Amino acid sequence: MFRLWGKIFKDNRLVKDIVICDESEDTRTHKIFHALDAICYEFDLSKPIWLDATIAEFKRHDKARFYQDNFMDTIEFDYLEIHIIEE
């Protein structure tokens, strides 16, 4: 089972979180994008842009943070963090 944890932080405090589970036979990349879409839908956010630094961080740690630079719209929090907790 694939599980992705999405967390919103403001002032170094966890404000909201959600875990998305995916049991499909899709590729890992597709599961990540589908889970991120579900997180953005649940938190009513626009989809973030994957910058080169974000991709590199995700490859190293299976975790990525999306700051204001990653969003087209203004965000009311410091960052959105996604983290793979189970594959």
PDB file of N, CA and C in Angstrom:
ATOM      1  N   MET A   1       0.838  -1.180   0.000  1.00  0.00           N
ATOM      2  CA  MET A   1       0.000   0.000   0.000  1.00  0.00           C
ATOM      3  C   MET A   1       0.885   1.247   0.000  1.00  0.00           C
ATOM      4  N   PHE A   2       0.506   2.216  -0.787  1.00  0.00           N
ATOM      5  CA  PHE A   2       1.224   3.482  -0.878  1.00  0.00           C
ATOM      6  C   PHE A   2       0.469   4.517  -0.050  1.00  0.00           C
ATOM      7  N   ARG A   3       1.194   5.222   0.834  1.00  0.00           N
ATOM      8  CA  ARG A   3       0.561   6.265   1.636  1.00  0.00           C
ATOM      9  C   ARG A   3       1.407   7.528   1.591  1.00  0.00           C
ATOM     10  N   LEU A   4       0.744   8.645   1.334  1.00  0.00           N
ATOM     11  CA  LEU A   4       1.410   9.944   1.273  1.00  0.00           C
ATOM     12  C   LEU A   4       0.765  10.854   2.315  1.00  0.00           C
ATOM     13  N   TRP A   5       1.605  11.464   3.139  1.00  0.00           N
ATOM     14  CA  TRP A   5       1.132  12.330   4.213  1.00  0.00           C
ATOM     15  C   TRP A   5       1.296  13.776   3.770  1.00  0.00           C
ATOM     16  N   GLY A   6       0.228  14.525   3.758  1.00  0.00           N
ATOM     17  CA  GLY A   6       0.261  15.943   3.414  1.00  0.00           C
ATOM     18  C   GLY A   6       0.024  16.781   4.653  1.00  0.00           C
ATOM     19  N   LYS A   7       0.884  17.789   4.869  1.00  0.00           N
ATOM     20  CA  LYS A   7       0.805  18.607   6.083  1.00  0.00           C
ATOM     21  C   LYS A   7       0.949  20.081   5.720  1.00  0.00           C
ATOM     22  N   ILE A   8       0.161  20.915   6.366  1.00  0.00           N
ATOM     23  CA  ILE A   8       0.276  22.361   6.209  1.00  0.00           C
ATOM     24  C   ILE A   8       0.819  22.935   7.505  1.00  0.00           C
ATOM     25  N   PHE A   9       1.865  23.766   7.365  1.00  0.00           N
ATOM     26  CA  PHE A   9       2.504  24.386   8.525  1.00  0.00           C
ATOM     27  C   PHE A   9       2.381  25.904   8.453  1.00  0.00           C
ATOM     28  N   LYS A  10       2.151  26.506   9.608  1.00  0.00           N
ATOM     29  CA  LYS A  10       2.165  27.963   9.749  1.00  0.00           C
ATOM     30  C   LYS A  10       2.833  28.276  11.087  1.00  0.00           C
ATOM     31  N   ASP A  11       3.816  29.157  11.057  1.00  0.00           N
ATOM     32  CA  ASP A  11       4.577  29.533  12.261  1.00  0.00           C
ATOM     33  C   ASP A  11       5.149  28.308  12.970  1.00  0.00           C
ATOM     34  N   ASN A  12       5.704  27.390  12.197  1.00  0.00           N
ATOM     35  CA  ASN A  12       6.328  26.158  12.701  1.00  0.00           C
ATOM     36  C   ASN A  12       5.360  25.255  13.471  1.00  0.00           C
ATOM     37  N   ARG A  13       4.099  25.363  13.179  1.00  0.00           N
ATOM     38  CA  ARG A  13       3.091  24.506  13.800  1.00  0.00           C
ATOM     39  C   ARG A  13       2.270  23.815  12.719  1.00  0.00           C
ATOM     40  N   LEU A  14       1.959  22.556  12.990  1.00  0.00           N
ATOM     41  CA  LEU A  14       1.112  21.783  12.089  1.00  0.00           C
ATOM     42  C   LEU A  14      -0.322  22.301  12.205  1.00  0.00           C
ATOM     43  N   VAL A  15      -0.875  22.750  11.092  1.00  0.00           N
ATOM     44  CA  VAL A  15      -2.223  23.309  11.084  1.00  0.00           C
ATOM     45  C   VAL A  15      -3.236  22.271  10.608  1.00  0.00           C
ATOM     46  N   LYS A  16      -2.920  21.581   9.500  1.00  0.00           N
ATOM     47  CA  LYS A  16      -3.798  20.556   8.928  1.00  0.00           C
ATOM     48  C   LYS A  16      -2.933  19.417   8.428  1.00  0.00           C
ATOM     49  N   ASP A  17      -3.502  18.231   8.424  1.00  0.00           N
ATOM     50  CA  ASP A  17      -2.804  17.106   7.804  1.00  0.00           C
ATOM     51  C   ASP A  17      -3.818  16.102   7.284  1.00  0.00           C
ATOM     52  N   ILE A  18      -3.353  15.284   6.360  1.00  0.00           N
ATOM     53  CA  ILE A  18      -4.186  14.244   5.759  1.00  0.00           C
ATOM     54  C   ILE A  18      -3.262  13.155   5.226  1.00  0.00           C
ATOM     55  N   VAL A  19      -3.726  11.928   5.264  1.00  0.00           N
ATOM     56  CA  VAL A  19      -2.990  10.799   4.689  1.00  0.00           C
ATOM     57  C   VAL A  19      -3.818  10.252   3.533  1.00  0.00           C
ATOM     58  N   ILE A  20      -3.175  10.141   2.376  1.00  0.00           N
ATOM     59  CA  ILE A  20      -3.829   9.603   1.183  1.00  0.00           C
ATOM     60  C   ILE A  20      -3.285   8.200   0.934  1.00  0.00           C
ATOM     61  N   CYS A  21      -4.170   7.233   0.837  1.00  0.00           N
ATOM     62  CA  CYS A  21      -3.785   5.839   0.571  1.00  0.00           C
ATOM     63  C   CYS A  21      -4.115   5.501  -0.878  1.00  0.00           C
ATOM     64  N   ASP A  22      -3.225   4.738  -1.509  1.00  0.00           N
ATOM     65  CA  ASP A  22      -3.423   4.344  -2.904  1.00  0.00           C
ATOM     66  C   ASP A  22      -3.004   2.887  -3.060  1.00  0.00           C
ATOM     67  N   GLU A  23      -3.955   2.043  -3.389  1.00  0.00           N
ATOM     68  CA  GLU A  23      -3.681   0.621  -3.569  1.00  0.00           C
ATOM     69  C   GLU A  23      -3.712   0.214  -5.037  1.00  0.00           C
ATOM     70  N   SER A  24      -3.672   1.195  -5.934  1.00  0.00           N
ATOM     71  CA  SER A  24      -3.746   0.887  -7.359  1.00  0.00           C
ATOM     72  C   SER A  24      -2.427   0.285  -7.847  1.00  0.00           C
ATOM     73  N   GLU A  25      -2.446  -0.201  -9.062  1.00  0.00           N
ATOM     74  CA  GLU A  25      -1.258  -0.793  -9.673  1.00  0.00           C
ATOM     75  C   GLU A  25      -0.489   0.238 -10.505  1.00  0.00           C
ATOM     76  N   ASP A  26      -0.762   1.514 -10.283  1.00  0.00           N
ATOM     77  CA  ASP A  26      -0.098   2.598 -11.006  1.00  0.00           C
ATOM     78  C   ASP A  26       1.384   2.659 -10.656  1.00  0.00           C
ATOM     79  N   THR A  27       2.123   3.452 -11.411  1.00  0.00           N
ATOM     80  CA  THR A  27       3.537   3.657 -11.109  1.00  0.00           C
ATOM     81  C   THR A  27       3.658   4.550  -9.882  1.00  0.00           C
ATOM     82  N   ARG A  28       4.832   4.549  -9.269  1.00  0.00           N
ATOM     83  CA  ARG A  28       5.077   5.367  -8.079  1.00  0.00           C
ATOM     84  C   ARG A  28       4.849   6.847  -8.389  1.00  0.00           C
ATOM     85  N   THR A  29       5.329   7.310  -9.521  1.00  0.00           N
ATOM     86  CA  THR A  29       5.181   8.709  -9.909  1.00  0.00           C
ATOM     87  C   THR A  29       3.719   9.094 -10.046  1.00  0.00           C
ATOM     88  N   HIS A  30       2.939   8.246 -10.690  1.00  0.00           N
ATOM     89  CA  HIS A  30       1.507   8.530 -10.839  1.00  0.00           C
ATOM     90  C   HIS A  30       0.810   8.550  -9.487  1.00  0.00           C
ATOM     91  N   LYS A  31       1.196   7.644  -8.595  1.00  0.00           N
ATOM     92  CA  LYS A  31       0.594   7.626  -7.256  1.00  0.00           C
ATOM     93  C   LYS A  31       0.895   8.920  -6.514  1.00  0.00           C
ATOM     94  N   ILE A  32       2.128   9.419  -6.644  1.00  0.00           N
ATOM     95  CA  ILE A  32       2.508  10.669  -5.979  1.00  0.00           C
ATOM     96  C   ILE A  32       1.672  11.821  -6.508  1.00  0.00           C
ATOM     97  N   PHE A  33       1.553  11.933  -7.837  1.00  0.00           N
ATOM     98  CA  PHE A  33       0.786  13.031  -8.424  1.00  0.00           C
ATOM     99  C   PHE A  33      -0.698  12.937  -8.087  1.00  0.00           C
ATOM    100  N   HIS A  34      -1.254  11.730  -8.102  1.00  0.00           N
ATOM    101  CA  HIS A  34      -2.668  11.567  -7.755  1.00  0.00           C
ATOM    102  C   HIS A  34      -2.908  11.932  -6.283  1.00  0.00           C
ATOM    103  N   ALA A  35      -1.999  11.506  -5.418  1.00  0.00           N
ATOM    104  CA  ALA A  35      -2.140  11.821  -3.992  1.00  0.00           C
ATOM    105  C   ALA A  35      -2.001  13.326  -3.752  1.00  0.00           C
ATOM    106  N   LEU A  36      -1.057  13.966  -4.437  1.00  0.00           N
ATOM    107  CA  LEU A  36      -0.889  15.418  -4.297  1.00  0.00           C
ATOM    108  C   LEU A  36      -2.139  16.152  -4.788  1.00  0.00           C
ATOM    109  N   ASP A  37      -2.730  15.682  -5.876  1.00  0.00           N
ATOM    110  CA  ASP A  37      -3.986  16.264  -6.362  1.00  0.00           C
ATOM    111  C   ASP A  37      -5.090  16.137  -5.315  1.00  0.00           C
ATOM    112  N   ALA A  38      -5.163  14.965  -4.668  1.00  0.00           N
ATOM    113  CA  ALA A  38      -6.187  14.737  -3.640  1.00  0.00           C
ATOM    114  C   ALA A  38      -5.948  15.638  -2.427  1.00  0.00           C
ATOM    115  N   ILE A  39      -4.690  15.827  -2.052  1.00  0.00           N
ATOM    116  CA  ILE A  39      -4.356  16.707  -0.929  1.00  0.00           C
ATOM    117  C   ILE A  39      -4.758  18.143  -1.254  1.00  0.00           C
ATOM    118  N   CYS A  40      -4.418  18.603  -2.439  1.00  0.00           N
ATOM    119  CA  CYS A  40      -4.763  19.966  -2.843  1.00  0.00           C
ATOM    120  C   CYS A  40      -6.270  20.159  -2.905  1.00  0.00           C
ATOM    121  N   TYR A  41      -6.989  19.151  -3.374  1.00  0.00           N
ATOM    122  CA  TYR A  41      -8.443  19.233  -3.420  1.00  0.00           C
ATOM    123  C   TYR A  41      -9.016  19.331  -2.002  1.00  0.00           C
ATOM    124  N   GLU A  42      -8.515  18.487  -1.107  1.00  0.00           N
ATOM    125  CA  GLU A  42      -9.008  18.458   0.269  1.00  0.00           C
ATOM    126  C   GLU A  42      -8.727  19.774   0.998  1.00  0.00           C
ATOM    127  N   PHE A  43      -7.557  20.364   0.756  1.00  0.00           N
ATOM    128  CA  PHE A  43      -7.181  21.614   1.415  1.00  0.00           C
ATOM    129  C   PHE A  43      -7.588  22.846   0.608  1.00  0.00           C
ATOM    130  N   ASP A  44      -8.260  22.660  -0.513  1.00  0.00           N
ATOM    131  CA  ASP A  44      -8.718  23.747  -1.384  1.00  0.00           C
ATOM    132  C   ASP A  44      -7.549  24.635  -1.824  1.00  0.00           C
ATOM    133  N   LEU A  45      -6.512  23.986  -2.381  1.00  0.00           N
ATOM    134  CA  LEU A  45      -5.316  24.682  -2.864  1.00  0.00           C
ATOM    135  C   LEU A  45      -5.170  24.497  -4.360  1.00  0.00           C
ATOM    136  N   SER A  46      -4.476  25.428  -4.985  1.00  0.00           N
ATOM    137  CA  SER A  46      -4.085  25.209  -6.373  1.00  0.00           C
ATOM    138  C   SER A  46      -2.932  24.204  -6.374  1.00  0.00           C
ATOM    139  N   LYS A  47      -2.710  23.563  -7.500  1.00  0.00           N
ATOM    140  CA  LYS A  47      -1.629  22.573  -7.572  1.00  0.00           C
ATOM    141  C   LYS A  47      -0.282  23.289  -7.577  1.00  0.00           C
ATOM    142  N   PRO A  48       0.648  22.829  -6.743  1.00  0.00           N
ATOM    143  CA  PRO A  48       1.956  23.480  -6.699  1.00  0.00           C
ATOM    144  C   PRO A  48       2.822  23.087  -7.896  1.00  0.00           C
ATOM    145  N   ILE A  49       3.787  23.926  -8.159  1.00  0.00           N
ATOM    146  CA  ILE A  49       4.741  23.686  -9.241  1.00  0.00           C
ATOM    147  C   ILE A  49       5.964  22.981  -8.650  1.00  0.00           C
ATOM    148  N   TRP A  50       6.426  21.937  -9.332  1.00  0.00           N
ATOM    149  CA  TRP A  50       7.613  21.212  -8.885  1.00  0.00           C
ATOM    150  C   TRP A  50       8.854  21.927  -9.414  1.00  0.00           C
ATOM    151  N   LEU A  51       9.499  22.703  -8.572  1.00  0.00           N
ATOM    152  CA  LEU A  51      10.745  23.360  -8.949  1.00  0.00           C
ATOM    153  C   LEU A  51      11.898  22.359  -8.856  1.00  0.00           C
ATOM    154  N   ASP A  52      13.029  22.678  -9.476  1.00  0.00           N
ATOM    155  CA  ASP A  52      14.181  21.770  -9.463  1.00  0.00           C
ATOM    156  C   ASP A  52      14.623  21.438  -8.039  1.00  0.00           C
ATOM    157  N   ALA A  53      14.618  22.433  -7.157  1.00  0.00           N
ATOM    158  CA  ALA A  53      15.022  22.205  -5.766  1.00  0.00           C
ATOM    159  C   ALA A  53      14.037  21.262  -5.063  1.00  0.00           C
ATOM    160  N   THR A  54      12.759  21.404  -5.375  1.00  0.00           N
ATOM    161  CA  THR A  54      11.736  20.540  -4.783  1.00  0.00           C
ATOM    162  C   THR A  54      11.917  19.099  -5.230  1.00  0.00           C
ATOM    163  N   ILE A  55      12.190  18.908  -6.502  1.00  0.00           N
ATOM    164  CA  ILE A  55      12.407  17.565  -7.050  1.00  0.00           C
ATOM    165  C   ILE A  55      13.629  16.923  -6.418  1.00  0.00           C
ATOM    166  N   ALA A  56      14.718  17.681  -6.306  1.00  0.00           N
ATOM    167  CA  ALA A  56      15.954  17.147  -5.715  1.00  0.00           C
ATOM    168  C   ALA A  56      15.729  16.745  -4.257  1.00  0.00           C
ATOM    169  N   GLU A  57      15.018  17.574  -3.505  1.00  0.00           N
ATOM    170  CA  GLU A  57      14.723  17.261  -2.105  1.00  0.00           C
ATOM    171  C   GLU A  57      13.876  15.994  -2.006  1.00  0.00           C
ATOM    172  N   PHE A  58      12.888  15.873  -2.881  1.00  0.00           N
ATOM    173  CA  PHE A  58      12.010  14.702  -2.847  1.00  0.00           C
ATOM    174  C   PHE A  58      12.773  13.428  -3.193  1.00  0.00           C
ATOM    175  N   LYS A  59      13.671  13.496  -4.146  1.00  0.00           N
ATOM    176  CA  LYS A  59      14.470  12.325  -4.518  1.00  0.00           C
ATOM    177  C   LYS A  59      15.363  11.874  -3.363  1.00  0.00           C
ATOM    178  N   ARG A  60      15.911  12.832  -2.623  1.00  0.00           N
ATOM    179  CA  ARG A  60      16.814  12.498  -1.519  1.00  0.00           C
ATOM    180  C   ARG A  60      16.092  11.953  -0.298  1.00  0.00           C
ATOM    181  N   HIS A  61      14.956  12.543   0.048  1.00  0.00           N
ATOM    182  CA  HIS A  61      14.340  12.252   1.345  1.00  0.00           C
ATOM    183  C   HIS A  61      12.926  11.682   1.290  1.00  0.00           C
ATOM    184  N   ASP A  62      12.361  11.497   0.094  1.00  0.00           N
ATOM    185  CA  ASP A  62      10.944  11.105  -0.046  1.00  0.00           C
ATOM    186  C   ASP A  62      10.043  12.101   0.672  1.00  0.00           C
ATOM    187  N   LYS A  63      10.490  13.348   0.728  1.00  0.00           N
ATOM    188  CA  LYS A  63       9.758  14.425   1.387  1.00  0.00           C
ATOM    189  C   LYS A  63      10.018  15.703   0.604  1.00  0.00           C
ATOM    190  N   ALA A  64       8.995  16.529   0.466  1.00  0.00           N
ATOM    191  CA  ALA A  64       9.170  17.798  -0.245  1.00  0.00           C
ATOM    192  C   ALA A  64       8.316  18.867   0.423  1.00  0.00           C
ATOM    193  N   ARG A  65       8.828  20.091   0.380  1.00  0.00           N
ATOM    194  CA  ARG A  65       8.092  21.235   0.905  1.00  0.00           C
ATOM    195  C   ARG A  65       7.795  22.192  -0.236  1.00  0.00           C
ATOM    196  N   PHE A  66       6.545  22.626  -0.289  1.00  0.00           N
ATOM    197  CA  PHE A  66       6.103  23.574  -1.295  1.00  0.00           C
ATOM    198  C   PHE A  66       5.842  24.910  -0.609  1.00  0.00           C
ATOM    199  N   TYR A  67       6.669  25.894  -0.926  1.00  0.00           N
ATOM    200  CA  TYR A  67       6.563  27.237  -0.354  1.00  0.00           C
ATOM    201  C   TYR A  67       5.759  28.136  -1.295  1.00  0.00           C
ATOM    202  N   GLN A  68       5.667  29.418  -0.956  1.00  0.00           N
ATOM    203  CA  GLN A  68       4.932  30.379  -1.781  1.00  0.00           C
ATOM    204  C   GLN A  68       5.433  30.377  -3.223  1.00  0.00           C
ATOM    205  N   ASP A  69       6.724  30.195  -3.435  1.00  0.00           N
ATOM    206  CA  ASP A  69       7.293  30.182  -4.785  1.00  0.00           C
ATOM    207  C   ASP A  69       6.723  29.061  -5.651  1.00  0.00           C
ATOM    208  N   ASN A  70       6.232  28.003  -5.030  1.00  0.00           N
ATOM    209  CA  ASN A  70       5.697  26.861  -5.760  1.00  0.00           C
ATOM    210  C   ASN A  70       4.238  27.040  -6.182  1.00  0.00           C
ATOM    211  N   PHE A  71       3.570  28.052  -5.639  1.00  0.00           N
ATOM    212  CA  PHE A  71       2.151  28.255  -5.907  1.00  0.00           C
ATOM    213  C   PHE A  71       1.938  29.505  -6.743  1.00  0.00           C
ATOM    214  N   MET A  72       0.972  29.456  -7.641  1.00  0.00           N
ATOM    215  CA  MET A  72       0.595  30.624  -8.430  1.00  0.00           C
ATOM    216  C   MET A  72      -0.236  31.593  -7.589  1.00  0.00           C
ATOM    217  N   ASP A  73      -1.068  31.044  -6.696  1.00  0.00           N
ATOM    218  CA  ASP A  73      -1.921  31.855  -5.831  1.00  0.00           C
ATOM    219  C   ASP A  73      -1.185  32.180  -4.536  1.00  0.00           C
ATOM    220  N   THR A  74      -1.687  33.160  -3.828  1.00  0.00           N
ATOM    221  CA  THR A  74      -1.151  33.466  -2.504  1.00  0.00           C
ATOM    222  C   THR A  74      -1.643  32.413  -1.518  1.00  0.00           C
ATOM    223  N   ILE A  75      -0.745  31.954  -0.661  1.00  0.00           N
ATOM    224  CA  ILE A  75      -1.114  30.953   0.338  1.00  0.00           C
ATOM    225  C   ILE A  75      -1.151  31.604   1.713  1.00  0.00           C
ATOM    226  N   GLU A  76      -1.988  31.070   2.582  1.00  0.00           N
ATOM    227  CA  GLU A  76      -2.186  31.619   3.928  1.00  0.00           C
ATOM    228  C   GLU A  76      -1.369  30.868   4.977  1.00  0.00           C
ATOM    229  N   PHE A  77      -0.384  30.097   4.564  1.00  0.00           N
ATOM    230  CA  PHE A  77       0.439  29.302   5.465  1.00  0.00           C
ATOM    231  C   PHE A  77       1.885  29.404   5.007  1.00  0.00           C
ATOM    232  N   ASP A  78       2.795  28.810   5.767  1.00  0.00           N
ATOM    233  CA  ASP A  78       4.218  28.898   5.426  1.00  0.00           C
ATOM    234  C   ASP A  78       4.605  27.915   4.327  1.00  0.00           C
ATOM    235  N   TYR A  79       4.178  26.649   4.475  1.00  0.00           N
ATOM    236  CA  TYR A  79       4.491  25.664   3.449  1.00  0.00           C
ATOM    237  C   TYR A  79       3.607  24.432   3.568  1.00  0.00           C
ATOM    238  N   LEU A  80       3.506  23.723   2.452  1.00  0.00           N
ATOM    239  CA  LEU A  80       2.835  22.424   2.368  1.00  0.00           C
ATOM    240  C   LEU A  80       3.931  21.382   2.259  1.00  0.00           C
ATOM    241  N   GLU A  81       3.898  20.387   3.110  1.00  0.00           N
ATOM    242  CA  GLU A  81       4.909  19.336   3.064  1.00  0.00           C
ATOM    243  C   GLU A  81       4.231  18.010   2.721  1.00  0.00           C
ATOM    244  N   ILE A  82       4.843  17.271   1.813  1.00  0.00           N
ATOM    245  CA  ILE A  82       4.367  15.914   1.524  1.00  0.00           C
ATOM    246  C   ILE A  82       5.482  14.942   1.885  1.00  0.00           C
ATOM    247  N   HIS A  83       5.084  13.776   2.356  1.00  0.00           N
ATOM    248  CA  HIS A  83       6.051  12.795   2.827  1.00  0.00           C
ATOM    249  C   HIS A  83       5.499  11.392   2.562  1.00  0.00           C
ATOM    250  N   ILE A  84       6.272  10.567   1.883  1.00  0.00           N
ATOM    251  CA  ILE A  84       5.864   9.180   1.665  1.00  0.00           C
ATOM    252  C   ILE A  84       6.118   8.425   2.956  1.00  0.00           C
ATOM    253  N   ILE A  85       5.061   7.845   3.518  1.00  0.00           N
ATOM    254  CA  ILE A  85       5.227   7.122   4.783  1.00  0.00           C
ATOM    255  C   ILE A  85       5.158   5.605   4.618  1.00  0.00           C
ATOM    256  N   GLU A  86       4.721   5.142   3.443  1.00  0.00           N
ATOM    257  CA  GLU A  86       4.689   3.700   3.207  1.00  0.00           C
ATOM    258  C   GLU A  86       4.593   3.426   1.719  1.00  0.00           C
ATOM    259  N   GLU A  87       5.357   2.433   1.280  1.00  0.00           N
ATOM    260  CA  GLU A  87       5.269   2.023  -0.127  1.00  0.00           C
ATOM    261  C   GLU A  87       5.005   0.548  -0.192  1.00  0.00           C
TER     262      GLU A  87
END
